[in-house]
Amino acid sequence: MPDFSPILTIAARDAREALRDRFLLIATLALAAAAITSLATGSLALHTDVATYMAAKDTLIALGKSASAIASPEFWPLKLLRGTVEQLEIMGAVIALVAGYRAAVSERGRQTLALILTRPLRRWQVLAAKLLGGFFLAATAAGAVTIAAAILLELTSGVGLMLSDLGRLTVGWAAAVLYLSGIYTVGFALSLWLRSASAGLVYAFALWMLMVLVAPQIGDTMDPDNQVAGGVFAALSVPKAEQDRIKAGFATYETIRNDIEISSPTKHFERFTFAVLGIKDTYTGKPLGPILTEKSGDALFLILFAFGLGAIVLLVPINPDRLTKEN
């Protein structure tokens, strides 16, 4: 039976070093600040709406009237997390890429890993430890952003978070960990496989642009329903039957557009989290169980993206010097 203790030891060491890395620490704090800033405005606006409703309700009661005269609105604080998710998609992916690159080159020119490799330790164990360290880092960064967002919502929105909301946040956090871990693996793998680690980072950023920016943007731009607030059909009051008839005439176009979108792990992460958190109106107030069932394809893609790439890294042969010597 393989001994996993060296893997955990190296992974824990890598995670600690990454958390002490000034660049990664500052970048993660910047990510948290951007996420909180995007959330603060909406949270305060929601607080104002809640206060306005409560004031109107108290006024009716003071006048001796029933509070039911005013329809009780439903407030959905998790919908305010759209900006937070988008920050994780873009800024979080950049940080993960750089962290993967730094993990691949951190040992070059140093003798720490060369000393470890003198022990009865297989190369796949070293690589697995590096990937596991990235997983720990992604979990910590995503967890910090998620906890900060939850505290801000609880304190400023005027709507207390329920246990079900915390469950949705936990599922969203898990999706973010898978997404960021996959991006980390891309940066790590390319920096390790190519002769020049810096060239690997350049290629990783090229892939980042395709995955995070280009493919999702093309898909959104090709969708006419995204060009009008609320959708073209809603703006024109087109009946549902007529919508289906129109869509049937553009089935090939829609297939191509959707295929471009689903080639991006970012889009799968966005679709999954927007549904789980109720950010997309279609899923607002819907129970979590049916959402997870409907979005199981997006969840499976994220799992394969993170662990499938990790398996490829472990299986592809590499020159040991790539782990211990500078380029």
C-alpha atoms as a PDB file:
ATOM      1  CA  MET A   1       0.000   0.000   0.000  1.00  0.00           C
ATOM      2  CA  PRO A   2       1.507   3.376  -0.992  1.00  0.00           C
ATOM      3  CA  ASP A   3       2.646   5.710   1.758  1.00  0.00           C
ATOM      4  CA  PHE A   4       0.833   9.026   1.436  1.00  0.00           C
ATOM      5  CA  SER A   5       2.547  10.762   4.350  1.00  0.00           C
ATOM      6  CA  PRO A   6       5.346  12.251   2.147  1.00  0.00           C
ATOM      7  CA  ILE A   7       2.696  13.611  -0.225  1.00  0.00           C
ATOM      8  CA  LEU A   8       0.844  15.290   2.621  1.00  0.00           C
ATOM      9  CA  THR A   9       4.113  16.627   4.071  1.00  0.00           C
ATOM     10  CA  ILE A  10       5.224  18.233   0.804  1.00  0.00           C
ATOM     11  CA  ALA A  11       1.704  19.490   0.041  1.00  0.00           C
ATOM     12  CA  ALA A  12       1.398  21.112   3.471  1.00  0.00           C
ATOM     13  CA  ARG A  13       4.820  22.710   3.060  1.00  0.00           C
ATOM     14  CA  ASP A  14       3.913  24.062  -0.389  1.00  0.00           C
ATOM     15  CA  ALA A  15       0.593  25.422   0.883  1.00  0.00           C
ATOM     16  CA  ARG A  16       2.308  27.178   3.793  1.00  0.00           C
ATOM     17  CA  GLU A  17       4.941  28.701   1.522  1.00  0.00           C
ATOM     18  CA  ALA A  18       2.274  29.866  -0.930  1.00  0.00           C
ATOM     19  CA  LEU A  19       0.286  31.492   1.874  1.00  0.00           C
ATOM     20  CA  ARG A  20       3.465  33.266   3.021  1.00  0.00           C
ATOM     21  CA  ASP A  21       4.306  34.318  -0.537  1.00  0.00           C
ATOM     22  CA  ARG A  22       3.922  38.101  -0.530  1.00  0.00           C
ATOM     23  CA  PHE A  23       2.756  38.288  -4.139  1.00  0.00           C
ATOM     24  CA  LEU A  24       0.103  35.588  -3.742  1.00  0.00           C
ATOM     25  CA  LEU A  25      -1.012  37.031  -0.416  1.00  0.00           C
ATOM     26  CA  ILE A  26      -1.414  40.534  -1.852  1.00  0.00           C
ATOM     27  CA  ALA A  27      -3.167  39.159  -4.939  1.00  0.00           C
ATOM     28  CA  THR A  28      -5.583  37.139  -2.802  1.00  0.00           C
ATOM     29  CA  LEU A  29      -6.312  40.155  -0.597  1.00  0.00           C
ATOM     30  CA  ALA A  30      -6.933  42.198  -3.759  1.00  0.00           C
ATOM     31  CA  LEU A  31      -9.340  39.513  -4.970  1.00  0.00           C
ATOM     32  CA  ALA A  32     -11.192  39.583  -1.641  1.00  0.00           C
ATOM     33  CA  ALA A  33     -11.312  43.388  -1.701  1.00  0.00           C
ATOM     34  CA  ALA A  34     -12.675  43.448  -5.256  1.00  0.00           C
ATOM     35  CA  ALA A  35     -15.286  40.829  -4.391  1.00  0.00           C
ATOM     36  CA  ILE A  36     -16.361  42.684  -1.251  1.00  0.00           C
ATOM     37  CA  THR A  37     -16.483  46.022  -3.077  1.00  0.00           C
ATOM     38  CA  SER A  38     -18.723  44.577  -5.793  1.00  0.00           C
ATOM     39  CA  LEU A  39     -20.966  43.124  -3.089  1.00  0.00           C
ATOM     40  CA  ALA A  40     -21.105  46.135  -0.751  1.00  0.00           C
ATOM     41  CA  THR A  41     -23.133  48.440  -3.012  1.00  0.00           C
ATOM     42  CA  GLY A  42     -25.822  45.871  -3.690  1.00  0.00           C
ATOM     43  CA  SER A  43     -25.914  44.809  -0.054  1.00  0.00           C
ATOM     44  CA  LEU A  44     -26.483  48.360   1.128  1.00  0.00           C
ATOM     45  CA  ALA A  45     -29.182  48.870  -1.518  1.00  0.00           C
ATOM     46  CA  LEU A  46     -30.923  45.707  -0.300  1.00  0.00           C
ATOM     47  CA  HIS A  47     -30.700  46.997   3.267  1.00  0.00           C
ATOM     48  CA  THR A  48     -32.444  50.190   2.143  1.00  0.00           C
ATOM     49  CA  ASP A  49     -35.227  48.182   0.486  1.00  0.00           C
ATOM     50  CA  VAL A  50     -35.710  46.097   3.626  1.00  0.00           C
ATOM     51  CA  ALA A  51     -35.761  49.206   5.823  1.00  0.00           C
ATOM     52  CA  THR A  52     -38.311  50.881   3.516  1.00  0.00           C
ATOM     53  CA  TYR A  53     -40.609  47.858   3.665  1.00  0.00           C
ATOM     54  CA  MET A  54     -40.339  47.584   7.454  1.00  0.00           C
ATOM     55  CA  ALA A  55     -41.037  51.306   7.852  1.00  0.00           C
ATOM     56  CA  ALA A  56     -44.149  51.041   5.663  1.00  0.00           C
ATOM     57  CA  LYS A  57     -45.301  48.004   7.618  1.00  0.00           C
ATOM     58  CA  ASP A  58     -44.818  49.767  10.973  1.00  0.00           C
ATOM     59  CA  THR A  59     -46.752  52.789   9.670  1.00  0.00           C
ATOM     60  CA  LEU A  60     -49.734  50.614   8.714  1.00  0.00           C
ATOM     61  CA  ILE A  61     -49.718  48.924  12.099  1.00  0.00           C
ATOM     62  CA  ALA A  62     -49.538  52.320  13.845  1.00  0.00           C
ATOM     63  CA  LEU A  63     -52.605  53.412  11.856  1.00  0.00           C
ATOM     64  CA  GLY A  64     -54.467  50.337  13.036  1.00  0.00           C
ATOM     65  CA  LYS A  65     -54.418  48.634   9.665  1.00  0.00           C
ATOM     66  CA  SER A  66     -53.291  45.141   8.803  1.00  0.00           C
ATOM     67  CA  ALA A  67     -49.701  44.741   7.654  1.00  0.00           C
ATOM     68  CA  SER A  68     -51.021  42.342   5.021  1.00  0.00           C
ATOM     69  CA  ALA A  69     -52.227  45.362   3.059  1.00  0.00           C
ATOM     70  CA  ILE A  70     -48.680  45.547   1.731  1.00  0.00           C
ATOM     71  CA  ALA A  71     -47.517  42.518  -0.183  1.00  0.00           C
ATOM     72  CA  SER A  72     -44.569  40.993   1.638  1.00  0.00           C
ATOM     73  CA  PRO A  73     -41.594  41.102  -0.762  1.00  0.00           C
ATOM     74  CA  GLU A  74     -39.088  38.290  -1.000  1.00  0.00           C
ATOM     75  CA  PHE A  75     -35.464  39.249  -0.542  1.00  0.00           C
ATOM     76  CA  TRP A  76     -32.722  37.059  -1.977  1.00  0.00           C
ATOM     77  CA  PRO A  77     -29.332  38.216  -0.616  1.00  0.00           C
ATOM     78  CA  LEU A  78     -27.354  35.527  -2.467  1.00  0.00           C
ATOM     79  CA  LYS A  79     -28.330  37.114  -5.790  1.00  0.00           C
ATOM     80  CA  LEU A  80     -25.923  39.914  -4.875  1.00  0.00           C
ATOM     81  CA  LEU A  81     -22.980  37.528  -5.259  1.00  0.00           C
ATOM     82  CA  ARG A  82     -22.879  37.860  -9.055  1.00  0.00           C
ATOM     83  CA  GLY A  83     -19.896  40.233  -8.889  1.00  0.00           C
ATOM     84  CA  THR A  84     -18.111  37.986  -6.396  1.00  0.00           C
ATOM     85  CA  VAL A  85     -18.450  34.981  -8.713  1.00  0.00           C
ATOM     86  CA  GLU A  86     -17.203  37.031 -11.664  1.00  0.00           C
ATOM     87  CA  GLN A  87     -14.172  38.172  -9.664  1.00  0.00           C
ATOM     88  CA  LEU A  88     -13.352  34.540  -8.888  1.00  0.00           C
ATOM     89  CA  GLU A  89     -13.751  33.679 -12.564  1.00  0.00           C
ATOM     90  CA  ILE A  90     -11.229  36.261 -13.747  1.00  0.00           C
ATOM     91  CA  MET A  91      -8.970  37.474 -10.928  1.00  0.00           C
ATOM     92  CA  GLY A  92      -9.067  34.127  -9.157  1.00  0.00           C
ATOM     93  CA  ALA A  93      -8.024  32.354 -12.358  1.00  0.00           C
ATOM     94  CA  VAL A  94      -5.054  34.703 -12.826  1.00  0.00           C
ATOM     95  CA  ILE A  95      -3.879  34.096  -9.255  1.00  0.00           C
ATOM     96  CA  ALA A  96      -4.268  30.331  -9.707  1.00  0.00           C
ATOM     97  CA  LEU A  97      -2.222  30.378 -12.934  1.00  0.00           C
ATOM     98  CA  VAL A  98       0.600  32.317 -11.319  1.00  0.00           C
ATOM     99  CA  ALA A  99       0.506  30.066  -8.242  1.00  0.00           C
ATOM    100  CA  GLY A 100       0.814  27.000 -10.494  1.00  0.00           C
ATOM    101  CA  TYR A 101       3.783  28.533 -12.284  1.00  0.00           C
ATOM    102  CA  ARG A 102       5.482  29.414  -9.020  1.00  0.00           C
ATOM    103  CA  ALA A 103       4.905  25.884  -7.690  1.00  0.00           C
ATOM    104  CA  ALA A 104       6.585  24.449 -10.796  1.00  0.00           C
ATOM    105  CA  VAL A 105       9.671  26.648 -10.539  1.00  0.00           C
ATOM    106  CA  SER A 106       9.943  27.114  -6.771  1.00  0.00           C
ATOM    107  CA  GLU A 107      12.432  24.289  -6.334  1.00  0.00           C
ATOM    108  CA  ARG A 108      14.677  25.137  -9.263  1.00  0.00           C
ATOM    109  CA  GLY A 109      18.012  26.420  -8.093  1.00  0.00           C
ATOM    110  CA  ARG A 110      17.334  25.092  -4.589  1.00  0.00           C
ATOM    111  CA  GLN A 111      18.291  21.749  -3.089  1.00  0.00           C
ATOM    112  CA  THR A 112      15.249  21.074  -0.896  1.00  0.00           C
ATOM    113  CA  LEU A 113      13.398  18.913  -3.386  1.00  0.00           C
ATOM    114  CA  ALA A 114      16.624  17.273  -4.584  1.00  0.00           C
ATOM    115  CA  LEU A 115      17.157  16.193  -0.979  1.00  0.00           C
ATOM    116  CA  ILE A 116      13.593  14.872  -0.745  1.00  0.00           C
ATOM    117  CA  LEU A 117      14.105  12.879  -3.943  1.00  0.00           C
ATOM    118  CA  THR A 118      17.051  11.059  -2.351  1.00  0.00           C
ATOM    119  CA  ARG A 119      14.466   9.318  -0.183  1.00  0.00           C
ATOM    120  CA  PRO A 120      12.470   6.339  -1.527  1.00  0.00           C
ATOM    121  CA  LEU A 121       9.943   8.678  -3.072  1.00  0.00           C
ATOM    122  CA  ARG A 122       8.438   8.250  -6.515  1.00  0.00           C
ATOM    123  CA  ARG A 123       8.187  11.147  -8.935  1.00  0.00           C
ATOM    124  CA  TRP A 124       4.390  10.880  -9.115  1.00  0.00           C
ATOM    125  CA  GLN A 125       4.240  11.402  -5.362  1.00  0.00           C
ATOM    126  CA  VAL A 126       6.150  14.679  -5.679  1.00  0.00           C
ATOM    127  CA  LEU A 127       3.821  15.831  -8.462  1.00  0.00           C
ATOM    128  CA  ALA A 128       0.744  14.737  -6.503  1.00  0.00           C
ATOM    129  CA  ALA A 129       2.001  16.698  -3.498  1.00  0.00           C
ATOM    130  CA  LYS A 130       2.446  19.812  -5.634  1.00  0.00           C
ATOM    131  CA  LEU A 131      -1.084  19.470  -7.010  1.00  0.00           C
ATOM    132  CA  LEU A 132      -2.514  18.813  -3.561  1.00  0.00           C
ATOM    133  CA  GLY A 133      -0.766  21.934  -2.278  1.00  0.00           C
ATOM    134  CA  GLY A 134      -2.501  23.898  -5.029  1.00  0.00           C
ATOM    135  CA  PHE A 135      -5.816  22.356  -4.001  1.00  0.00           C
ATOM    136  CA  PHE A 136      -5.250  23.499  -0.407  1.00  0.00           C
ATOM    137  CA  LEU A 137      -4.359  26.978  -1.652  1.00  0.00           C
ATOM    138  CA  ALA A 138      -7.496  27.178  -3.824  1.00  0.00           C
ATOM    139  CA  ALA A 139      -9.649  25.992  -0.915  1.00  0.00           C
ATOM    140  CA  THR A 140      -8.140  28.615   1.389  1.00  0.00           C
ATOM    141  CA  ALA A 141      -8.469  31.512  -1.068  1.00  0.00           C
ATOM    142  CA  ALA A 142     -12.012  30.609  -2.145  1.00  0.00           C
ATOM    143  CA  GLY A 143     -12.948  30.025   1.487  1.00  0.00           C
ATOM    144  CA  ALA A 144     -11.649  33.439   2.542  1.00  0.00           C
ATOM    145  CA  VAL A 145     -13.674  35.166  -0.180  1.00  0.00           C
ATOM    146  CA  THR A 146     -16.809  33.125   0.598  1.00  0.00           C
ATOM    147  CA  ILE A 147     -16.625  33.755   4.351  1.00  0.00           C
ATOM    148  CA  ALA A 148     -15.986  37.478   3.847  1.00  0.00           C
ATOM    149  CA  ALA A 149     -18.967  37.710   1.482  1.00  0.00           C
ATOM    150  CA  ALA A 150     -21.230  35.823   3.901  1.00  0.00           C
ATOM    151  CA  ILE A 151     -20.251  38.058   6.836  1.00  0.00           C
ATOM    152  CA  LEU A 152     -20.802  41.198   4.760  1.00  0.00           C
ATOM    153  CA  LEU A 153     -24.242  40.013   3.642  1.00  0.00           C
ATOM    154  CA  GLU A 154     -25.211  39.124   7.194  1.00  0.00           C
ATOM    155  CA  LEU A 155     -24.087  42.472   8.610  1.00  0.00           C
ATOM    156  CA  THR A 156     -25.183  44.919   5.928  1.00  0.00           C
ATOM    157  CA  SER A 157     -28.011  43.489   3.827  1.00  0.00           C
ATOM    158  CA  GLY A 158     -30.685  43.590   6.512  1.00  0.00           C
ATOM    159  CA  VAL A 159     -31.661  40.019   5.601  1.00  0.00           C
ATOM    160  CA  GLY A 160     -30.259  37.273   7.791  1.00  0.00           C
ATOM    161  CA  LEU A 161     -28.759  34.282   6.022  1.00  0.00           C
ATOM    162  CA  MET A 162     -30.608  31.026   6.610  1.00  0.00           C
ATOM    163  CA  LEU A 163     -29.076  27.590   7.021  1.00  0.00           C
ATOM    164  CA  SER A 164     -30.072  26.777   3.431  1.00  0.00           C
ATOM    165  CA  ASP A 165     -28.173  29.856   2.254  1.00  0.00           C
ATOM    166  CA  LEU A 166     -25.051  28.640   4.039  1.00  0.00           C
ATOM    167  CA  GLY A 167     -25.487  25.275   2.327  1.00  0.00           C
ATOM    168  CA  ARG A 168     -25.662  26.988  -1.070  1.00  0.00           C
ATOM    169  CA  LEU A 169     -22.562  29.016  -0.230  1.00  0.00           C
ATOM    170  CA  THR A 170     -20.736  25.814   0.696  1.00  0.00           C
ATOM    171  CA  VAL A 171     -21.663  24.196  -2.623  1.00  0.00           C
ATOM    172  CA  GLY A 172     -20.555  27.348  -4.452  1.00  0.00           C
ATOM    173  CA  TRP A 173     -17.261  27.282  -2.535  1.00  0.00           C
ATOM    174  CA  ALA A 174     -16.674  23.657  -3.559  1.00  0.00           C
ATOM    175  CA  ALA A 175     -17.284  24.566  -7.216  1.00  0.00           C
ATOM    176  CA  ALA A 176     -14.814  27.463  -6.911  1.00  0.00           C
ATOM    177  CA  VAL A 177     -12.182  25.124  -5.435  1.00  0.00           C
ATOM    178  CA  LEU A 178     -12.541  22.729  -8.380  1.00  0.00           C
ATOM    179  CA  TYR A 179     -12.398  25.561 -10.898  1.00  0.00           C
ATOM    180  CA  LEU A 180      -9.353  27.275  -9.355  1.00  0.00           C
ATOM    181  CA  SER A 181      -7.573  23.944  -8.831  1.00  0.00           C
ATOM    182  CA  GLY A 182      -7.986  23.141 -12.523  1.00  0.00           C
ATOM    183  CA  ILE A 183      -6.603  26.530 -13.543  1.00  0.00           C
ATOM    184  CA  TYR A 184      -3.698  26.050 -11.094  1.00  0.00           C
ATOM    185  CA  THR A 185      -2.954  22.700 -12.726  1.00  0.00           C
ATOM    186  CA  VAL A 186      -2.855  24.320 -16.169  1.00  0.00           C
ATOM    187  CA  GLY A 187      -0.218  26.820 -14.994  1.00  0.00           C
ATOM    188  CA  PHE A 188       1.731  24.135 -13.157  1.00  0.00           C
ATOM    189  CA  ALA A 189       1.686  21.624 -16.009  1.00  0.00           C
ATOM    190  CA  LEU A 190       2.694  23.973 -18.822  1.00  0.00           C
ATOM    191  CA  SER A 191       5.457  25.519 -16.724  1.00  0.00           C
ATOM    192  CA  LEU A 192       6.726  22.020 -15.972  1.00  0.00           C
ATOM    193  CA  TRP A 193       6.403  20.420 -19.396  1.00  0.00           C
ATOM    194  CA  LEU A 194       7.926  23.136 -21.553  1.00  0.00           C
ATOM    195  CA  ARG A 195      11.672  23.612 -21.660  1.00  0.00           C
ATOM    196  CA  SER A 196      11.281  27.185 -20.424  1.00  0.00           C
ATOM    197  CA  ALA A 197       8.984  27.717 -17.446  1.00  0.00           C
ATOM    198  CA  SER A 198       8.439  31.340 -18.460  1.00  0.00           C
ATOM    199  CA  ALA A 199       7.270  30.156 -21.881  1.00  0.00           C
ATOM    200  CA  GLY A 200       4.905  27.809 -20.092  1.00  0.00           C
ATOM    201  CA  LEU A 201       3.449  30.753 -18.198  1.00  0.00           C
ATOM    202  CA  VAL A 202       2.934  32.658 -21.460  1.00  0.00           C
ATOM    203  CA  TYR A 203       1.093  29.696 -23.000  1.00  0.00           C
ATOM    204  CA  ALA A 204      -0.921  29.328 -19.800  1.00  0.00           C
ATOM    205  CA  PHE A 205      -2.045  32.939 -20.035  1.00  0.00           C
ATOM    206  CA  ALA A 206      -2.962  32.413 -23.693  1.00  0.00           C
ATOM    207  CA  LEU A 207      -5.155  29.488 -22.645  1.00  0.00           C
ATOM    208  CA  TRP A 208      -6.549  31.613 -19.814  1.00  0.00           C
ATOM    209  CA  MET A 209      -7.658  34.234 -22.319  1.00  0.00           C
ATOM    210  CA  LEU A 210      -9.373  31.591 -24.449  1.00  0.00           C
ATOM    211  CA  MET A 211     -11.033  29.817 -21.522  1.00  0.00           C
ATOM    212  CA  VAL A 212     -11.959  32.765 -19.332  1.00  0.00           C
ATOM    213  CA  LEU A 213     -12.453  35.676 -21.713  1.00  0.00           C
ATOM    214  CA  VAL A 214     -12.791  34.731 -25.379  1.00  0.00           C
ATOM    215  CA  ALA A 215     -15.046  31.646 -25.431  1.00  0.00           C
ATOM    216  CA  PRO A 216     -17.595  32.917 -22.852  1.00  0.00           C
ATOM    217  CA  GLN A 217     -17.689  36.345 -24.482  1.00  0.00           C
ATOM    218  CA  ILE A 218     -18.263  34.899 -27.949  1.00  0.00           C
ATOM    219  CA  GLY A 219     -21.049  32.723 -26.608  1.00  0.00           C
ATOM    220  CA  ASP A 220     -22.716  35.650 -24.817  1.00  0.00           C
ATOM    221  CA  THR A 221     -22.371  37.951 -27.816  1.00  0.00           C
ATOM    222  CA  MET A 222     -23.854  35.356 -30.173  1.00  0.00           C
ATOM    223  CA  ASP A 223     -26.902  35.017 -27.909  1.00  0.00           C
ATOM    224  CA  PRO A 224     -29.431  37.671 -29.043  1.00  0.00           C
ATOM    225  CA  ASP A 225     -31.333  37.242 -25.780  1.00  0.00           C
ATOM    226  CA  ASN A 226     -28.354  38.682 -23.892  1.00  0.00           C
ATOM    227  CA  GLN A 227     -28.356  41.933 -25.842  1.00  0.00           C
ATOM    228  CA  VAL A 228     -31.514  43.306 -24.221  1.00  0.00           C
ATOM    229  CA  ALA A 229     -32.117  43.565 -20.480  1.00  0.00           C
ATOM    230  CA  GLY A 230     -34.474  40.753 -19.513  1.00  0.00           C
ATOM    231  CA  GLY A 231     -34.151  39.133 -22.940  1.00  0.00           C
ATOM    232  CA  VAL A 232     -35.404  39.941 -26.415  1.00  0.00           C
ATOM    233  CA  PHE A 233     -38.462  37.715 -26.149  1.00  0.00           C
ATOM    234  CA  ALA A 234     -39.510  39.242 -22.835  1.00  0.00           C
ATOM    235  CA  ALA A 235     -38.997  42.775 -24.162  1.00  0.00           C
ATOM    236  CA  LEU A 236     -41.182  42.027 -27.199  1.00  0.00           C
ATOM    237  CA  SER A 237     -43.733  40.023 -25.157  1.00  0.00           C
ATOM    238  CA  VAL A 238     -43.356  37.025 -27.472  1.00  0.00           C
ATOM    239  CA  PRO A 239     -45.515  34.055 -26.323  1.00  0.00           C
ATOM    240  CA  LYS A 240     -43.730  30.889 -25.212  1.00  0.00           C
ATOM    241  CA  ALA A 241     -45.041  28.815 -28.132  1.00  0.00           C
ATOM    242  CA  GLU A 242     -43.780  31.413 -30.590  1.00  0.00           C
ATOM    243  CA  GLN A 243     -40.407  31.509 -28.805  1.00  0.00           C
ATOM    244  CA  ASP A 244     -40.030  27.750 -29.289  1.00  0.00           C
ATOM    245  CA  ARG A 245     -40.959  28.039 -32.972  1.00  0.00           C
ATOM    246  CA  ILE A 246     -38.391  30.786 -33.545  1.00  0.00           C
ATOM    247  CA  LYS A 247     -35.678  28.888 -31.677  1.00  0.00           C
ATOM    248  CA  ALA A 248     -36.354  25.766 -33.746  1.00  0.00           C
ATOM    249  CA  GLY A 249     -35.442  27.717 -36.878  1.00  0.00           C
ATOM    250  CA  PHE A 250     -32.047  28.585 -35.390  1.00  0.00           C
ATOM    251  CA  ALA A 251     -31.219  25.202 -33.878  1.00  0.00           C
ATOM    252  CA  THR A 252     -27.876  24.842 -35.693  1.00  0.00           C
ATOM    253  CA  TYR A 253     -26.833  28.373 -34.779  1.00  0.00           C
ATOM    254  CA  GLU A 254     -27.761  27.786 -31.138  1.00  0.00           C
ATOM    255  CA  THR A 255     -25.845  24.484 -31.090  1.00  0.00           C
ATOM    256  CA  ILE A 256     -22.677  26.174 -32.354  1.00  0.00           C
ATOM    257  CA  ARG A 257     -23.083  29.043 -29.897  1.00  0.00           C
ATOM    258  CA  ASN A 258     -23.624  26.682 -26.973  1.00  0.00           C
ATOM    259  CA  ASP A 259     -20.688  24.462 -27.996  1.00  0.00           C
ATOM    260  CA  ILE A 260     -18.388  27.496 -27.905  1.00  0.00           C
ATOM    261  CA  GLU A 261     -19.633  28.354 -24.433  1.00  0.00           C
ATOM    262  CA  ILE A 262     -19.319  24.874 -22.954  1.00  0.00           C
ATOM    263  CA  SER A 263     -15.734  24.566 -24.170  1.00  0.00           C
ATOM    264  CA  SER A 264     -14.904  26.966 -21.348  1.00  0.00           C
ATOM    265  CA  PRO A 265     -14.631  25.687 -17.754  1.00  0.00           C
ATOM    266  CA  THR A 266     -15.374  29.257 -16.702  1.00  0.00           C
ATOM    267  CA  LYS A 267     -18.818  29.035 -18.266  1.00  0.00           C
ATOM    268  CA  HIS A 268     -19.551  25.745 -16.510  1.00  0.00           C
ATOM    269  CA  PHE A 269     -18.475  27.303 -13.200  1.00  0.00           C
ATOM    270  CA  GLU A 270     -20.652  30.345 -13.856  1.00  0.00           C
ATOM    271  CA  ARG A 271     -23.707  28.344 -14.883  1.00  0.00           C
ATOM    272  CA  PHE A 272     -23.410  26.083 -11.858  1.00  0.00           C
ATOM    273  CA  THR A 273     -22.855  28.802  -9.257  1.00  0.00           C
ATOM    274  CA  PHE A 274     -25.419  31.190 -10.752  1.00  0.00           C
ATOM    275  CA  ALA A 275     -27.995  28.397 -10.450  1.00  0.00           C
ATOM    276  CA  VAL A 276     -26.991  27.203  -6.971  1.00  0.00           C
ATOM    277  CA  LEU A 277     -26.896  30.733  -5.528  1.00  0.00           C
ATOM    278  CA  GLY A 278     -30.099  31.734  -7.315  1.00  0.00           C
ATOM    279  CA  ILE A 279     -28.345  34.551  -9.165  1.00  0.00           C
ATOM    280  CA  LYS A 280     -30.103  33.578 -12.383  1.00  0.00           C
ATOM    281  CA  ASP A 281     -33.788  34.406 -12.035  1.00  0.00           C
ATOM    282  CA  THR A 282     -34.850  30.984 -13.318  1.00  0.00           C
ATOM    283  CA  TYR A 283     -33.399  29.371 -10.184  1.00  0.00           C
ATOM    284  CA  THR A 284     -34.246  32.023  -7.591  1.00  0.00           C
ATOM    285  CA  GLY A 285     -36.100  30.403  -4.703  1.00  0.00           C
ATOM    286  CA  LYS A 286     -35.863  26.946  -6.248  1.00  0.00           C
ATOM    287  CA  PRO A 287     -34.851  24.092  -3.879  1.00  0.00           C
ATOM    288  CA  LEU A 288     -31.195  23.121  -4.006  1.00  0.00           C
ATOM    289  CA  GLY A 289     -31.783  19.424  -4.736  1.00  0.00           C
ATOM    290  CA  PRO A 290     -33.451  19.858  -8.148  1.00  0.00           C
ATOM    291  CA  ILE A 291     -30.851  22.484  -9.087  1.00  0.00           C
ATOM    292  CA  LEU A 292     -27.992  20.086  -8.357  1.00  0.00           C
ATOM    293  CA  THR A 293     -29.727  17.426 -10.422  1.00  0.00           C
ATOM    294  CA  GLU A 294     -30.240  19.779 -13.351  1.00  0.00           C
ATOM    295  CA  LYS A 295     -26.706  21.161 -13.159  1.00  0.00           C
ATOM    296  CA  SER A 296     -24.986  17.829 -12.595  1.00  0.00           C
ATOM    297  CA  GLY A 297     -23.400  18.093 -16.060  1.00  0.00           C
ATOM    298  CA  ASP A 298     -21.674  21.357 -15.148  1.00  0.00           C
ATOM    299  CA  ALA A 299     -20.553  19.874 -11.822  1.00  0.00           C
ATOM    300  CA  LEU A 300     -19.169  16.775 -13.578  1.00  0.00           C
ATOM    301  CA  PHE A 301     -17.262  18.967 -16.031  1.00  0.00           C
ATOM    302  CA  LEU A 302     -15.616  20.871 -13.151  1.00  0.00           C
ATOM    303  CA  ILE A 303     -14.688  17.610 -11.420  1.00  0.00           C
ATOM    304  CA  LEU A 304     -13.137  16.221 -14.608  1.00  0.00           C
ATOM    305  CA  PHE A 305     -11.421  19.545 -15.276  1.00  0.00           C
ATOM    306  CA  ALA A 306      -9.699  19.532 -11.881  1.00  0.00           C
ATOM    307  CA  PHE A 307      -8.968  15.843 -11.332  1.00  0.00           C
ATOM    308  CA  GLY A 308      -8.643  14.858 -14.996  1.00  0.00           C
ATOM    309  CA  LEU A 309      -5.909  17.425 -15.571  1.00  0.00           C
ATOM    310  CA  GLY A 310      -4.254  16.294 -12.360  1.00  0.00           C
ATOM    311  CA  ALA A 311      -4.245  12.694 -13.573  1.00  0.00           C
ATOM    312  CA  ILE A 312      -2.670  13.761 -16.870  1.00  0.00           C
ATOM    313  CA  VAL A 313       0.097  15.587 -14.991  1.00  0.00           C
ATOM    314  CA  LEU A 314       0.835  12.429 -12.992  1.00  0.00           C
ATOM    315  CA  LEU A 315       0.887  10.199 -16.073  1.00  0.00           C
ATOM    316  CA  VAL A 316       2.933  12.319 -18.511  1.00  0.00           C
ATOM    317  CA  PRO A 317       6.678  11.557 -18.194  1.00  0.00           C
ATOM    318  CA  ILE A 318       8.903  14.532 -17.352  1.00  0.00           C
ATOM    319  CA  ASN A 319      12.608  15.134 -17.001  1.00  0.00           C
ATOM    320  CA  PRO A 320      13.474  15.142 -13.256  1.00  0.00           C
ATOM    321  CA  ASP A 321      15.694  18.184 -13.870  1.00  0.00           C
ATOM    322  CA  ARG A 322      12.521  20.187 -14.534  1.00  0.00           C
ATOM    323  CA  LEU A 323      11.760  19.873 -10.818  1.00  0.00           C
ATOM    324  CA  THR A 324      15.173  20.675  -9.421  1.00  0.00           C
ATOM    325  CA  LYS A 325      17.198  22.786 -11.853  1.00  0.00           C
ATOM    326  CA  GLU A 326      16.785  26.276 -13.184  1.00  0.00           C
ATOM    327  CA  ASN A 327      16.209  26.812 -16.908  1.00  0.00           C
END
